[in-house]
């Protein structure tokens, strides 16, 4: 059993957002991002579906030409290859689920199995 605490003060840093890889299996990756107000995770993408859940605070998700505000308890799902960015409006904790594990796609492409 894995136990994680959302009230862990080490999830936040004044100079940069934090990344905590919590769990990884052959099927899923679970990551927490701790943001202070004004911190940004710039444009990036993943080859898998990304479920972005705001656990505390408020963030803005920009993807596919749209901006959406997520407050604690809200989540959004992004399609594979969607370029997206996260902006923290206040101190926030974000949970990211990447499904399936990106290795599944990478190996398919590298081994030319498509």
N, C-alpha and C. Protein backbone atom coordinates (compact mmCIF):
# COMPACT_ATOMS: atom_id res chain seq x y z
N UNK A 1 0.85 -1.17 0.00
CA UNK A 1 0.00 0.00 0.00
C UNK A 1 0.89 1.24 0.00
N UNK A 2 0.54 2.21 -0.83
CA UNK A 2 1.24 3.49 -0.87
C UNK A 2 0.36 4.55 -0.23
N UNK A 3 0.95 5.36 0.63
CA UNK A 3 0.22 6.43 1.31
C UNK A 3 0.90 7.76 0.97
N UNK A 4 0.11 8.76 0.55
CA UNK A 4 0.63 10.09 0.25
C UNK A 4 -0.22 11.11 0.99
N UNK A 5 0.40 12.18 1.40
CA UNK A 5 -0.30 13.21 2.16
C UNK A 5 -0.33 14.53 1.40
N UNK A 6 -1.51 15.07 1.22
CA UNK A 6 -1.64 16.34 0.50
C UNK A 6 -1.19 17.53 1.35
N UNK A 7 -1.03 17.34 2.67
CA UNK A 7 -0.60 18.43 3.54
C UNK A 7 0.92 18.43 3.76
N UNK A 8 1.68 17.72 2.93
CA UNK A 8 3.13 17.65 3.02
C UNK A 8 3.73 18.98 2.56
N UNK A 9 4.36 19.72 3.46
CA UNK A 9 4.89 21.04 3.11
C UNK A 9 6.04 20.97 2.11
N UNK A 10 6.69 19.82 1.95
CA UNK A 10 7.79 19.71 0.99
C UNK A 10 7.28 19.63 -0.46
N UNK A 11 5.98 19.63 -0.65
CA UNK A 11 5.41 19.64 -2.01
C UNK A 11 5.51 21.01 -2.67
N UNK A 12 5.92 22.03 -1.92
CA UNK A 12 5.93 23.39 -2.43
C UNK A 12 7.31 24.02 -2.25
N UNK A 13 7.74 24.79 -3.26
CA UNK A 13 9.02 25.49 -3.21
C UNK A 13 8.81 26.88 -3.78
N UNK A 14 9.35 27.88 -3.14
CA UNK A 14 9.13 29.26 -3.55
C UNK A 14 9.72 29.58 -4.92
N UNK A 15 10.80 28.89 -5.33
CA UNK A 15 11.50 29.24 -6.56
C UNK A 15 11.05 28.46 -7.79
N UNK A 16 10.36 27.35 -7.61
CA UNK A 16 9.97 26.53 -8.75
C UNK A 16 8.88 25.54 -8.32
N UNK A 17 8.13 25.05 -9.29
CA UNK A 17 7.14 24.03 -8.96
C UNK A 17 7.88 22.74 -8.62
N UNK A 18 7.23 21.88 -7.87
CA UNK A 18 7.84 20.60 -7.50
C UNK A 18 7.14 19.47 -8.23
N UNK A 19 7.88 18.40 -8.43
CA UNK A 19 7.35 17.21 -9.10
C UNK A 19 7.62 16.03 -8.20
N UNK A 20 6.58 15.27 -7.88
CA UNK A 20 6.72 14.09 -7.05
C UNK A 20 6.13 12.90 -7.80
N UNK A 21 7.01 12.00 -8.27
CA UNK A 21 6.55 10.77 -8.92
C UNK A 21 6.10 9.82 -7.81
N UNK A 22 4.80 9.56 -7.75
CA UNK A 22 4.24 8.78 -6.64
C UNK A 22 4.14 7.30 -6.95
N UNK A 23 3.81 6.99 -8.20
CA UNK A 23 3.56 5.59 -8.52
C UNK A 23 3.72 5.39 -10.02
N UNK A 24 4.24 4.24 -10.37
CA UNK A 24 4.40 3.89 -11.78
C UNK A 24 4.26 2.39 -11.91
N UNK A 25 3.48 1.97 -12.87
CA UNK A 25 3.36 0.56 -13.22
C UNK A 25 3.44 0.47 -14.73
N UNK A 26 3.25 -0.70 -15.26
CA UNK A 26 3.29 -0.84 -16.71
C UNK A 26 2.06 -0.20 -17.37
N UNK A 27 1.07 0.20 -16.56
CA UNK A 27 -0.18 0.73 -17.12
C UNK A 27 -0.44 2.20 -16.83
N UNK A 28 0.14 2.73 -15.77
CA UNK A 28 -0.22 4.08 -15.34
C UNK A 28 0.98 4.76 -14.67
N UNK A 29 0.98 6.08 -14.75
CA UNK A 29 1.95 6.91 -14.03
C UNK A 29 1.14 7.91 -13.21
N UNK A 30 1.50 8.08 -11.93
CA UNK A 30 0.83 9.05 -11.05
C UNK A 30 1.89 10.04 -10.57
N UNK A 31 1.62 11.32 -10.82
CA UNK A 31 2.57 12.38 -10.47
C UNK A 31 1.82 13.50 -9.77
N UNK A 32 2.43 14.08 -8.74
CA UNK A 32 1.89 15.29 -8.11
C UNK A 32 2.79 16.46 -8.46
N UNK A 33 2.16 17.61 -8.74
CA UNK A 33 2.87 18.86 -8.97
C UNK A 33 2.43 19.84 -7.89
N UNK A 34 3.39 20.40 -7.19
CA UNK A 34 3.11 21.44 -6.20
C UNK A 34 3.49 22.79 -6.77
N UNK A 35 2.56 23.72 -6.78
CA UNK A 35 2.77 25.05 -7.34
C UNK A 35 2.56 26.12 -6.28
N UNK A 36 3.37 27.14 -6.33
CA UNK A 36 3.10 28.37 -5.60
C UNK A 36 2.43 29.31 -6.59
N UNK A 37 1.76 30.33 -6.09
CA UNK A 37 1.06 31.29 -6.96
C UNK A 37 2.01 31.84 -8.02
N UNK A 38 1.56 31.83 -9.28
CA UNK A 38 2.34 32.39 -10.37
C UNK A 38 3.28 31.43 -11.07
N UNK A 39 3.49 30.25 -10.51
CA UNK A 39 4.38 29.29 -11.16
C UNK A 39 3.70 28.63 -12.36
N UNK A 40 4.51 28.26 -13.35
CA UNK A 40 3.99 27.78 -14.63
C UNK A 40 4.71 26.51 -15.06
N UNK A 41 3.93 25.55 -15.54
CA UNK A 41 4.48 24.39 -16.24
C UNK A 41 4.22 24.66 -17.71
N UNK A 42 5.25 25.04 -18.43
CA UNK A 42 5.14 25.49 -19.82
C UNK A 42 4.63 24.40 -20.76
N UNK A 43 4.32 24.79 -21.99
CA UNK A 43 3.78 23.89 -23.01
C UNK A 43 4.57 22.59 -23.09
N UNK A 44 3.85 21.49 -23.09
CA UNK A 44 4.43 20.16 -23.24
C UNK A 44 3.31 19.22 -23.70
N UNK A 45 3.64 17.98 -24.00
CA UNK A 45 2.61 17.01 -24.39
C UNK A 45 3.05 15.62 -23.98
N UNK A 46 2.10 14.70 -24.00
CA UNK A 46 2.37 13.31 -23.71
C UNK A 46 1.71 12.45 -24.78
N UNK A 47 2.24 11.26 -24.96
CA UNK A 47 1.68 10.36 -25.98
C UNK A 47 0.47 9.59 -25.47
N UNK A 48 0.12 9.79 -24.21
CA UNK A 48 -1.02 9.09 -23.60
C UNK A 48 -2.10 10.07 -23.18
N UNK A 49 -3.23 9.54 -22.72
CA UNK A 49 -4.25 10.39 -22.11
C UNK A 49 -3.69 10.95 -20.81
N UNK A 50 -4.03 12.19 -20.50
CA UNK A 50 -3.60 12.83 -19.26
C UNK A 50 -4.83 13.29 -18.50
N UNK A 51 -5.01 12.77 -17.29
CA UNK A 51 -6.08 13.23 -16.42
C UNK A 51 -5.44 14.17 -15.41
N UNK A 52 -5.84 15.43 -15.46
CA UNK A 52 -5.29 16.47 -14.59
C UNK A 52 -6.35 16.79 -13.54
N UNK A 53 -6.00 16.56 -12.26
CA UNK A 53 -6.95 16.79 -11.17
C UNK A 53 -6.36 17.82 -10.21
N UNK A 54 -7.11 18.85 -9.94
CA UNK A 54 -6.69 19.87 -8.98
C UNK A 54 -7.11 19.39 -7.59
N UNK A 55 -6.12 19.09 -6.75
CA UNK A 55 -6.40 18.60 -5.40
C UNK A 55 -6.59 19.74 -4.40
N UNK A 56 -5.89 20.86 -4.63
CA UNK A 56 -6.07 22.04 -3.79
C UNK A 56 -5.69 23.27 -4.60
N UNK A 57 -6.22 24.41 -4.20
CA UNK A 57 -5.91 25.66 -4.89
C UNK A 57 -6.65 25.80 -6.20
N UNK A 58 -6.09 26.62 -7.09
CA UNK A 58 -6.70 26.90 -8.38
C UNK A 58 -5.61 26.98 -9.44
N UNK A 59 -5.84 26.32 -10.57
CA UNK A 59 -4.91 26.38 -11.70
C UNK A 59 -5.67 26.71 -12.97
N UNK A 60 -4.94 27.18 -13.95
CA UNK A 60 -5.49 27.38 -15.29
C UNK A 60 -4.81 26.37 -16.19
N UNK A 61 -5.61 25.61 -16.93
CA UNK A 61 -5.10 24.65 -17.91
C UNK A 61 -5.34 25.26 -19.28
N UNK A 62 -4.27 25.38 -20.06
CA UNK A 62 -4.41 25.84 -21.44
C UNK A 62 -4.11 24.66 -22.34
N UNK A 63 -5.06 24.36 -23.23
CA UNK A 63 -4.90 23.24 -24.17
C UNK A 63 -5.80 23.46 -25.36
N UNK A 64 -5.31 23.12 -26.53
CA UNK A 64 -6.09 23.17 -27.76
C UNK A 64 -6.78 24.51 -27.96
N UNK A 65 -6.08 25.60 -27.65
CA UNK A 65 -6.62 26.93 -27.85
C UNK A 65 -7.63 27.38 -26.82
N UNK A 66 -7.81 26.61 -25.76
CA UNK A 66 -8.77 26.96 -24.71
C UNK A 66 -8.07 27.11 -23.37
N UNK A 67 -8.64 27.95 -22.52
CA UNK A 67 -8.19 28.09 -21.14
C UNK A 67 -9.34 27.70 -20.22
N UNK A 68 -9.04 26.84 -19.25
CA UNK A 68 -10.05 26.39 -18.30
C UNK A 68 -9.49 26.51 -16.89
N UNK A 69 -10.28 27.05 -16.00
CA UNK A 69 -9.87 27.16 -14.60
C UNK A 69 -10.34 25.91 -13.86
N UNK A 70 -9.40 25.27 -13.18
CA UNK A 70 -9.73 24.12 -12.33
C UNK A 70 -9.52 24.50 -10.88
N UNK A 71 -10.54 24.30 -10.07
CA UNK A 71 -10.45 24.50 -8.63
C UNK A 71 -10.38 23.14 -7.96
N UNK A 72 -10.08 23.13 -6.68
CA UNK A 72 -9.98 21.87 -5.93
C UNK A 72 -11.21 21.02 -6.17
N UNK A 73 -10.98 19.75 -6.52
CA UNK A 73 -12.06 18.82 -6.77
C UNK A 73 -12.46 18.70 -8.23
N UNK A 74 -11.85 19.51 -9.09
CA UNK A 74 -12.18 19.46 -10.52
C UNK A 74 -11.05 18.76 -11.28
N UNK A 75 -11.40 18.16 -12.41
CA UNK A 75 -10.38 17.53 -13.24
C UNK A 75 -10.73 17.70 -14.71
N UNK A 76 -9.71 17.47 -15.54
CA UNK A 76 -9.87 17.54 -16.99
C UNK A 76 -9.07 16.40 -17.60
N UNK A 77 -9.55 15.89 -18.72
CA UNK A 77 -8.84 14.83 -19.45
C UNK A 77 -8.38 15.40 -20.78
N UNK A 78 -7.12 15.20 -21.09
CA UNK A 78 -6.55 15.64 -22.36
C UNK A 78 -6.24 14.45 -23.23
N UNK A 79 -6.50 14.60 -24.50
CA UNK A 79 -6.22 13.56 -25.48
C UNK A 79 -4.71 13.45 -25.70
N UNK A 80 -4.24 12.30 -26.15
CA UNK A 80 -2.81 12.15 -26.47
C UNK A 80 -2.37 13.22 -27.48
N UNK A 81 -1.13 13.65 -27.35
CA UNK A 81 -0.48 14.63 -28.21
C UNK A 81 -1.03 16.05 -28.07
N UNK A 82 -1.89 16.30 -27.09
CA UNK A 82 -2.41 17.65 -26.86
C UNK A 82 -1.35 18.49 -26.16
N UNK A 83 -0.93 19.57 -26.80
CA UNK A 83 0.00 20.49 -26.16
C UNK A 83 -0.78 21.24 -25.08
N UNK A 84 -0.21 21.29 -23.87
CA UNK A 84 -0.91 21.94 -22.77
C UNK A 84 0.08 22.58 -21.80
N UNK A 85 -0.42 23.51 -21.00
CA UNK A 85 0.37 24.21 -20.00
C UNK A 85 -0.51 24.41 -18.76
N UNK A 86 0.14 24.54 -17.60
CA UNK A 86 -0.56 24.77 -16.35
C UNK A 86 -0.03 26.06 -15.71
N UNK A 87 -0.94 26.88 -15.21
CA UNK A 87 -0.60 28.13 -14.55
C UNK A 87 -1.27 28.14 -13.18
N UNK A 88 -0.51 28.38 -12.14
CA UNK A 88 -1.07 28.40 -10.78
C UNK A 88 -1.54 29.80 -10.43
N UNK A 89 -2.81 29.91 -10.11
CA UNK A 89 -3.37 31.20 -9.68
C UNK A 89 -3.09 31.43 -8.21
N UNK A 90 -2.90 30.35 -7.48
CA UNK A 90 -2.59 30.39 -6.05
C UNK A 90 -1.86 29.10 -5.74
N UNK A 91 -1.43 28.93 -4.50
CA UNK A 91 -0.78 27.67 -4.15
C UNK A 91 -1.73 26.52 -4.50
N UNK A 92 -1.20 25.53 -5.22
CA UNK A 92 -2.06 24.45 -5.71
C UNK A 92 -1.30 23.14 -5.75
N UNK A 93 -2.05 22.07 -5.55
CA UNK A 93 -1.52 20.72 -5.70
C UNK A 93 -2.31 20.04 -6.81
N UNK A 94 -1.60 19.52 -7.80
CA UNK A 94 -2.22 18.92 -8.98
C UNK A 94 -1.78 17.47 -9.09
N UNK A 95 -2.73 16.59 -9.31
CA UNK A 95 -2.43 15.17 -9.55
C UNK A 95 -2.58 14.89 -11.04
N UNK A 96 -1.57 14.24 -11.59
CA UNK A 96 -1.58 13.86 -13.00
C UNK A 96 -1.57 12.35 -13.11
N UNK A 97 -2.51 11.81 -13.87
CA UNK A 97 -2.53 10.39 -14.20
C UNK A 97 -2.27 10.28 -15.69
N UNK A 98 -1.26 9.52 -16.06
CA UNK A 98 -0.94 9.29 -17.46
C UNK A 98 -1.30 7.84 -17.77
N UNK A 99 -2.27 7.67 -18.70
CA UNK A 99 -2.82 6.35 -18.99
C UNK A 99 -2.92 6.15 -20.50
N UNK A 100 -2.42 5.08 -21.09
CA UNK A 100 -1.53 4.10 -20.47
C UNK A 100 -0.13 4.69 -20.31
N UNK A 101 0.73 3.94 -19.66
CA UNK A 101 2.11 4.37 -19.47
C UNK A 101 2.69 4.76 -20.83
N UNK A 102 3.36 5.90 -20.94
CA UNK A 102 3.91 6.34 -22.24
C UNK A 102 4.86 5.33 -22.89
N UNK A 103 5.46 4.45 -22.14
CA UNK A 103 6.34 3.44 -22.73
C UNK A 103 5.62 2.58 -23.76
N UNK A 104 4.34 2.36 -23.57
CA UNK A 104 3.58 1.55 -24.53
C UNK A 104 3.63 2.18 -25.91
N UNK A 105 3.45 3.50 -25.98
CA UNK A 105 3.47 4.19 -27.26
C UNK A 105 4.89 4.29 -27.82
N UNK A 106 5.84 4.62 -26.94
CA UNK A 106 7.21 4.80 -27.37
C UNK A 106 7.75 3.53 -28.00
N UNK A 107 7.50 2.40 -27.37
CA UNK A 107 8.01 1.13 -27.91
C UNK A 107 7.36 0.80 -29.23
N UNK A 108 6.09 1.07 -29.36
CA UNK A 108 5.40 0.80 -30.62
C UNK A 108 6.05 1.59 -31.74
N UNK A 109 6.33 2.87 -31.49
CA UNK A 109 6.94 3.71 -32.51
C UNK A 109 8.38 3.29 -32.79
N UNK A 110 9.17 3.06 -31.72
CA UNK A 110 10.58 2.72 -31.88
C UNK A 110 10.76 1.40 -32.61
N UNK A 111 9.90 0.44 -32.33
CA UNK A 111 10.02 -0.89 -32.95
C UNK A 111 9.23 -0.96 -34.25
N UNK A 112 8.63 0.13 -34.64
CA UNK A 112 7.83 0.22 -35.87
C UNK A 112 6.78 -0.89 -35.95
N UNK A 113 6.03 -1.02 -34.87
CA UNK A 113 5.01 -2.06 -34.79
C UNK A 113 3.66 -1.59 -35.31
N UNK A 114 3.57 -0.37 -35.78
CA UNK A 114 2.27 0.13 -36.27
C UNK A 114 2.04 -0.23 -37.72
